[in-house]
PDB file of N, CA and C in Angstrom:
ATOM      1  N   LYS A   1      78.443 108.740  89.840  1.00  0.00           N
ATOM      2  CA  LYS A   1      78.517 108.746  91.169  1.00  0.00           C
ATOM      3  C   LYS A   1      79.848 108.737  91.892  1.00  0.00           C
ATOM      4  N   GLU A   2      80.047 109.212  93.069  1.00  0.00           N
ATOM      5  CA  GLU A   2      81.220 109.207  93.588  1.00  0.00           C
ATOM      6  C   GLU A   2      81.642 107.774  94.109  1.00  0.00           C
ATOM      7  N   ASN A   3      82.912 107.593  94.131  1.00  0.00           N
ATOM      8  CA  ASN A   3      83.401 106.170  94.722  1.00  0.00           C
ATOM      9  C   ASN A   3      82.772 105.137  94.019  1.00  0.00           C
ATOM     10  N   GLU A   4      82.196 105.135  92.801  1.00  0.00           N
ATOM     11  CA  GLU A   4      81.573 103.965  92.359  1.00  0.00           C
ATOM     12  C   GLU A   4      82.675 103.084  91.585  1.00  0.00           C
ATOM     13  N   MET A   5      82.552 101.776  91.922  1.00  0.00           N
ATOM     14  CA  MET A   5      83.382 100.753  91.250  1.00  0.00           C
ATOM     15  C   MET A   5      82.561 100.030  90.031  1.00  0.00           C
ATOM     16  N   HIS A   6      83.280 100.041  88.838  1.00  0.00           N
ATOM     17  CA  HIS A   6      82.910  99.220  87.762  1.00  0.00           C
ATOM     18  C   HIS A   6      82.837  97.749  88.048  1.00  0.00           C
ATOM     19  N   PRO A   7      81.603  96.995  87.754  1.00  0.00           N
ATOM     20  CA  PRO A   7      81.496  95.610  88.162  1.00  0.00           C
ATOM     21  C   PRO A   7      82.843  94.824  87.799  1.00  0.00           C
ATOM     22  N   LYS A   8      83.381  95.087  86.776  1.00  0.00           N
ATOM     23  CA  LYS A   8      84.533  94.258  86.119  1.00  0.00           C
ATOM     24  C   LYS A   8      85.754  94.846  86.689  1.00  0.00           C
ATOM     25  N   SER A   9      85.744  95.869  87.350  1.00  0.00           N
ATOM     26  CA  SER A   9      87.095  96.338  87.813  1.00  0.00           C
ATOM     27  C   SER A   9      87.711  95.373  88.733  1.00  0.00           C
ATOM     28  N   GLU A  10      89.077  95.399  88.648  1.00  0.00           N
ATOM     29  CA  GLU A  10      90.021  94.551  89.524  1.00  0.00           C
ATOM     30  C   GLU A  10      90.566  95.434  90.588  1.00  0.00           C
ATOM     31  N   ALA A  11      89.983  96.769  90.975  1.00  0.00           N
ATOM     32  CA  ALA A  11      90.363  97.435  91.790  1.00  0.00           C
ATOM     33  C   ALA A  11      89.710  97.127  93.134  1.00  0.00           C
ATOM     34  N   LEU A  12      90.435  97.219  94.332  1.00  0.00           N
ATOM     35  CA  LEU A  12      89.704  97.059  95.604  1.00  0.00           C
ATOM     36  C   LEU A  12      89.082  98.457  96.018  1.00  0.00           C
ATOM     37  N   PRO A  13      88.125  98.282  96.808  1.00  0.00           N
ATOM     38  CA  PRO A  13      87.521  99.477  97.373  1.00  0.00           C
ATOM     39  C   PRO A  13      88.413 100.457  98.143  1.00  0.00           C
ATOM     40  N   VAL A  14      89.539  99.709  98.729  1.00  0.00           N
ATOM     41  CA  VAL A  14      90.393 100.461  99.631  1.00  0.00           C
ATOM     42  C   VAL A  14      90.822 101.787  98.867  1.00  0.00           C
ATOM     43  N   ILE A  15      90.895 101.712  97.368  1.00  0.00           N
ATOM     44  CA  ILE A  15      91.387 102.962  96.804  1.00  0.00           C
ATOM     45  C   ILE A  15      90.642 104.156  97.216  1.00  0.00           C
ATOM     46  N   TRP A  16      89.467 104.072  97.557  1.00  0.00           N
ATOM     47  CA  TRP A  16      88.689 105.171  97.993  1.00  0.00           C
ATOM     48  C   TRP A  16      88.829 105.721  99.411  1.00  0.00           C
ATOM     49  N   THR A  17      89.586 104.731 100.273  1.00  0.00           N
ATOM     50  CA  THR A  17      89.840 105.198 101.589  1.00  0.00           C
ATOM     51  C   THR A  17      91.352 105.763 101.590  1.00  0.00           C
ATOM     52  N   ASN A  18      92.038 105.561 100.594  1.00  0.00           N
ATOM     53  CA  ASN A  18      93.442 106.089 100.682  1.00  0.00           C
ATOM     54  C   ASN A  18      93.724 106.619  99.173  1.00  0.00           C
ATOM     55  N   PHE A  19      92.868 107.538  98.729  1.00  0.00           N
ATOM     56  CA  PHE A  19      92.879 107.890  97.393  1.00  0.00           C
ATOM     57  C   PHE A  19      94.145 108.898  97.172  1.00  0.00           C
ATOM     58  N   ALA A  20      94.727 109.677  98.154  1.00  0.00           N
ATOM     59  CA  ALA A  20      95.758 110.231  97.987  1.00  0.00           C
ATOM     60  C   ALA A  20      97.033 109.417  97.646  1.00  0.00           C
ATOM     61  N   ASP A  21      97.181 108.332  98.328  1.00  0.00           N
ATOM     62  CA  ASP A  21      98.314 107.266  98.191  1.00  0.00           C
ATOM     63  C   ASP A  21      98.022 106.763  96.775  1.00  0.00           C
ATOM     64  N   PHE A  22      96.960 106.301  96.415  1.00  0.00           N
ATOM     65  CA  PHE A  22      96.739 105.729  95.138  1.00  0.00           C
ATOM     66  C   PHE A  22      97.070 106.623  94.045  1.00  0.00           C
ATOM     67  N   THR A  23      96.634 108.030  94.232  1.00  0.00           N
ATOM     68  CA  THR A  23      97.011 108.977  93.128  1.00  0.00           C
ATOM     69  C   THR A  23      98.702 109.020  93.183  1.00  0.00           C
ATOM     70  N   SER A  24      99.166 109.094  94.157  1.00  0.00           N
ATOM     71  CA  SER A  24     100.791 109.321  94.348  1.00  0.00           C
ATOM     72  C   SER A  24     101.373 108.184  93.437  1.00  0.00           C
ATOM     73  N   LYS A  25     100.932 106.863  93.686  1.00  0.00           N
ATOM     74  CA  LYS A  25     101.403 105.798  93.164  1.00  0.00           C
ATOM     75  C   LYS A  25     101.158 105.768  91.549  1.00  0.00           C
ATOM     76  N   SER A  26     100.154 106.243  91.069  1.00  0.00           N
ATOM     77  CA  SER A  26      99.772 106.392  89.816  1.00  0.00           C
ATOM     78  C   SER A  26     100.775 107.406  89.156  1.00  0.00           C
ATOM     79  N   GLU A  27     100.918 108.514  89.774  1.00  0.00           N
ATOM     80  CA  GLU A  27     101.771 109.461  89.255  1.00  0.00           C
ATOM     81  C   GLU A  27     103.242 108.960  89.235  1.00  0.00           C
ATOM     82  N   ALA A  28     103.632 108.166  90.312  1.00  0.00           N
ATOM     83  CA  ALA A  28     105.014 107.570  90.220  1.00  0.00           C
ATOM     84  C   ALA A  28     105.185 106.636  88.949  1.00  0.00           C
ATOM     85  N   LEU A  29     104.205 105.943  88.562  1.00  0.00           N
ATOM     86  CA  LEU A  29     104.229 105.101  87.329  1.00  0.00           C
ATOM     87  C   LEU A  29     104.421 105.948  86.130  1.00  0.00           C
ATOM     88  N   GLN A  30     103.630 107.049  85.983  1.00  0.00           N
ATOM     89  CA  GLN A  30     103.825 108.106  85.043  1.00  0.00           C
ATOM     90  C   GLN A  30     105.239 108.536  84.863  1.00  0.00           C
ATOM     91  N   GLY A  31     105.932 108.834  86.006  1.00  0.00           N
ATOM     92  CA  GLY A  31     107.253 109.252  86.050  1.00  0.00           C
ATOM     93  C   GLY A  31     108.173 108.264  85.759  1.00  0.00           C
ATOM     94  N   ALA A  32     108.146 106.835  86.183  1.00  0.00           N
ATOM     95  CA  ALA A  32     108.766 105.669  85.779  1.00  0.00           C
ATOM     96  C   ALA A  32     108.766 105.439  84.239  1.00  0.00           C
ATOM     97  N   ALA A  33     107.643 105.476  83.816  1.00  0.00           N
ATOM     98  CA  ALA A  33     107.476 105.240  82.425  1.00  0.00           C
ATOM     99  C   ALA A  33     108.278 106.408  81.404  1.00  0.00           C
ATOM    100  N   LYS A  34     108.156 107.589  81.934  1.00  0.00           N
ATOM    101  CA  LYS A  34     108.667 108.777  81.268  1.00  0.00           C
ATOM    102  C   LYS A  34     110.391 108.426  81.385  1.00  0.00           C
ATOM    103  N   LYS A  35     110.830 108.002  82.486  1.00  0.00           N
ATOM    104  CA  LYS A  35     112.263 107.790  82.676  1.00  0.00           C
ATOM    105  C   LYS A  35     112.698 106.668  81.897  1.00  0.00           C
ATOM    106  N   ALA A  36     111.860 105.700  81.876  1.00  0.00           N
ATOM    107  CA  ALA A  36     112.229 104.401  81.112  1.00  0.00           C
ATOM    108  C   ALA A  36     112.569 104.708  79.572  1.00  0.00           C
ATOM    109  N   LEU A  37     111.584 105.551  79.242  1.00  0.00           N
ATOM    110  CA  LEU A  37     111.551 106.043  77.694  1.00  0.00           C
ATOM    111  C   LEU A  37     112.746 106.874  77.469  1.00  0.00           C
ATOM    112  N   ALA A  38     112.970 107.763  78.253  1.00  0.00           N
ATOM    113  CA  ALA A  38     114.293 108.815  78.249  1.00  0.00           C
ATOM    114  C   ALA A  38     115.608 107.998  78.303  1.00  0.00           C
ATOM    115  N   ASN A  39     115.635 106.957  78.947  1.00  0.00           N
ATOM    116  CA  ASN A  39     116.875 106.107  79.049  1.00  0.00           C
ATOM    117  C   ASN A  39     116.958 104.980  78.193  1.00  0.00           C
ATOM    118  N   PHE A  40     115.891 104.672  77.386  1.00  0.00           N
ATOM    119  CA  PHE A  40     115.972 103.524  76.577  1.00  0.00           C
ATOM    120  C   PHE A  40     116.624 103.924  75.256  1.00  0.00           C
ATOM    121  N   SER A  41     117.841 103.353  74.969  1.00  0.00           N
ATOM    122  CA  SER A  41     118.590 103.679  73.749  1.00  0.00           C
ATOM    123  C   SER A  41     118.968 102.471  73.051  1.00  0.00           C
ATOM    124  N   SER A  42     118.837 101.263  73.704  1.00  0.00           N
ATOM    125  CA  SER A  42     119.385  99.962  73.162  1.00  0.00           C
ATOM    126  C   SER A  42     118.598  98.992  73.689  1.00  0.00           C
ATOM    127  N   GLU A  43     118.834  97.630  73.049  1.00  0.00           N
ATOM    128  CA  GLU A  43     118.149  96.533  73.594  1.00  0.00           C
ATOM    129  C   GLU A  43     118.689  96.068  75.081  1.00  0.00           C
ATOM    130  N   ASP A  44     119.835  96.764  75.255  1.00  0.00           N
ATOM    131  CA  ASP A  44     120.522  96.467  76.585  1.00  0.00           C
ATOM    132  C   ASP A  44     119.744  97.182  77.809  1.00  0.00           C
ATOM    133  N   ASP A  45     118.786  98.084  77.382  1.00  0.00           N
ATOM    134  CA  ASP A  45     118.158  98.914  78.297  1.00  0.00           C
ATOM    135  C   ASP A  45     116.592  98.374  78.494  1.00  0.00           C
ATOM    136  N   LEU A  46     116.316  97.242  77.914  1.00  0.00           N
ATOM    137  CA  LEU A  46     115.021  96.715  78.101  1.00  0.00           C
ATOM    138  C   LEU A  46     114.804  96.329  79.403  1.00  0.00           C
ATOM    139  N   ILE A  47     115.658  95.302  79.848  1.00  0.00           N
ATOM    140  CA  ILE A  47     115.439  94.647  81.149  1.00  0.00           C
ATOM    141  C   ILE A  47     115.371  95.590  82.382  1.00  0.00           C
ATOM    142  N   PRO A  48     116.460  96.548  82.568  1.00  0.00           N
ATOM    143  CA  PRO A  48     116.390  97.424  83.580  1.00  0.00           C
ATOM    144  C   PRO A  48     115.173  98.335  83.427  1.00  0.00           C
ATOM    145  N   SER A  49     114.728  98.770  82.380  1.00  0.00           N
ATOM    146  CA  SER A  49     113.442  99.678  82.267  1.00  0.00           C
ATOM    147  C   SER A  49     112.176  98.760  82.627  1.00  0.00           C
ATOM    148  N   MET A  50     112.108  97.607  82.335  1.00  0.00           N
ATOM    149  CA  MET A  50     110.893  96.883  82.640  1.00  0.00           C
ATOM    150  C   MET A  50     110.815  96.551  83.996  1.00  0.00           C
ATOM    151  N   GLN A  51     112.081  96.189  84.647  1.00  0.00           N
ATOM    152  CA  GLN A  51     112.140  96.013  86.077  1.00  0.00           C
ATOM    153  C   GLN A  51     111.824  97.162  86.787  1.00  0.00           C
ATOM    154  N   ALA A  52     112.001  98.456  86.499  1.00  0.00           N
ATOM    155  CA  ALA A  52     111.633  99.681  87.232  1.00  0.00           C
ATOM    156  C   ALA A  52     110.354  99.876  87.127  1.00  0.00           C
ATOM    157  N   LEU A  53     109.621  99.503  85.853  1.00  0.00           N
ATOM    158  CA  LEU A  53     108.213  99.759  85.714  1.00  0.00           C
ATOM    159  C   LEU A  53     107.636  98.689  86.509  1.00  0.00           C
ATOM    160  N   GLY A  54     107.967  97.408  86.506  1.00  0.00           N
ATOM    161  CA  GLY A  54     107.357  96.461  87.179  1.00  0.00           C
ATOM    162  C   GLY A  54     107.348  96.822  88.666  1.00  0.00           C
ATOM    163  N   ARG A  55     108.299  97.381  89.393  1.00  0.00           N
ATOM    164  CA  ARG A  55     108.374  97.705  90.893  1.00  0.00           C
ATOM    165  C   ARG A  55     107.396  98.760  91.072  1.00  0.00           C
ATOM    166  N   THR A  56     107.340  99.650  90.089  1.00  0.00           N
ATOM    167  CA  THR A  56     106.333 100.783  90.505  1.00  0.00           C
ATOM    168  C   THR A  56     105.024 100.176  90.279  1.00  0.00           C
ATOM    169  N   CYS A  57     104.553  99.369  89.298  1.00  0.00           N
ATOM    170  CA  CYS A  57     103.264  98.736  89.128  1.00  0.00           C
ATOM    171  C   CYS A  57     102.962  97.741  90.489  1.00  0.00           C
ATOM    172  N   LYS A  58     103.792  96.995  90.948  1.00  0.00           N
ATOM    173  CA  LYS A  58     103.675  96.211  92.018  1.00  0.00           C
ATOM    174  C   LYS A  58     103.504  96.973  93.402  1.00  0.00           C
ATOM    175  N   SER A  59     103.991  98.204  93.537  1.00  0.00           N
ATOM    176  CA  SER A  59     103.716  98.945  94.658  1.00  0.00           C
ATOM    177  C   SER A  59     102.427  99.523  94.629  1.00  0.00           C
ATOM    178  N   CYS A  60     101.682  99.385  93.664  1.00  0.00           N
ATOM    179  CA  CYS A  60     100.063  99.814  93.650  1.00  0.00           C
ATOM    180  C   CYS A  60      99.425  98.505  93.688  1.00  0.00           C
ATOM    181  N   HIS A  61      99.688  97.676  92.801  1.00  0.00           N
ATOM    182  CA  HIS A  61      98.875  96.575  92.636  1.00  0.00           C
ATOM    183  C   HIS A  61      98.845  95.670  93.893  1.00  0.00           C
ATOM    184  N   SER A  62      99.862  95.457  94.636  1.00  0.00           N
ATOM    185  CA  SER A  62      99.807  94.830  95.853  1.00  0.00           C
ATOM    186  C   SER A  62      98.903  95.302  97.003  1.00  0.00           C
ATOM    187  N   ILE A  63      98.421  96.478  96.877  1.00  0.00           N
ATOM    188  CA  ILE A  63      97.548  97.294  97.845  1.00  0.00           C
ATOM    189  C   ILE A  63      95.971  97.330  97.295  1.00  0.00           C
ATOM    190  N   TYR A  64      96.022  97.802  95.951  1.00  0.00           N
ATOM    191  CA  TYR A  64      94.927  98.270  95.502  1.00  0.00           C
ATOM    192  C   TYR A  64      94.119  97.487  94.306  1.00  0.00           C
ATOM    193  N   ARG A  65      94.771  96.265  94.226  1.00  0.00           N
ATOM    194  CA  ARG A  65      94.278  95.362  93.108  1.00  0.00           C
ATOM    195  C   ARG A  65      93.882  93.932  93.561  1.00  0.00           C
ATOM    196  N   LYS A  66      92.864  93.338  93.006  1.00  0.00           N
ATOM    197  CA  LYS A  66      92.479  91.967  93.468  1.00  0.00           C
ATOM    198  C   LYS A  66      93.522  91.147  92.955  1.00  0.00           C
TER     199      LYS A  66
END
């Protein structure tokens, strides 16, 4: 069914009213993960990589997750 939510989902129904933004944020996360992987060459890269990923995750979670 269209716009159906799984009972155990932590997603908010607002995903369906602003799906283009949700999709854009998910694509940004993919890009951030690829960038982190490409720039990860030593232990010193761990913290900045995780911070960048965290910011990208938060931009979506703050709107679309319980």
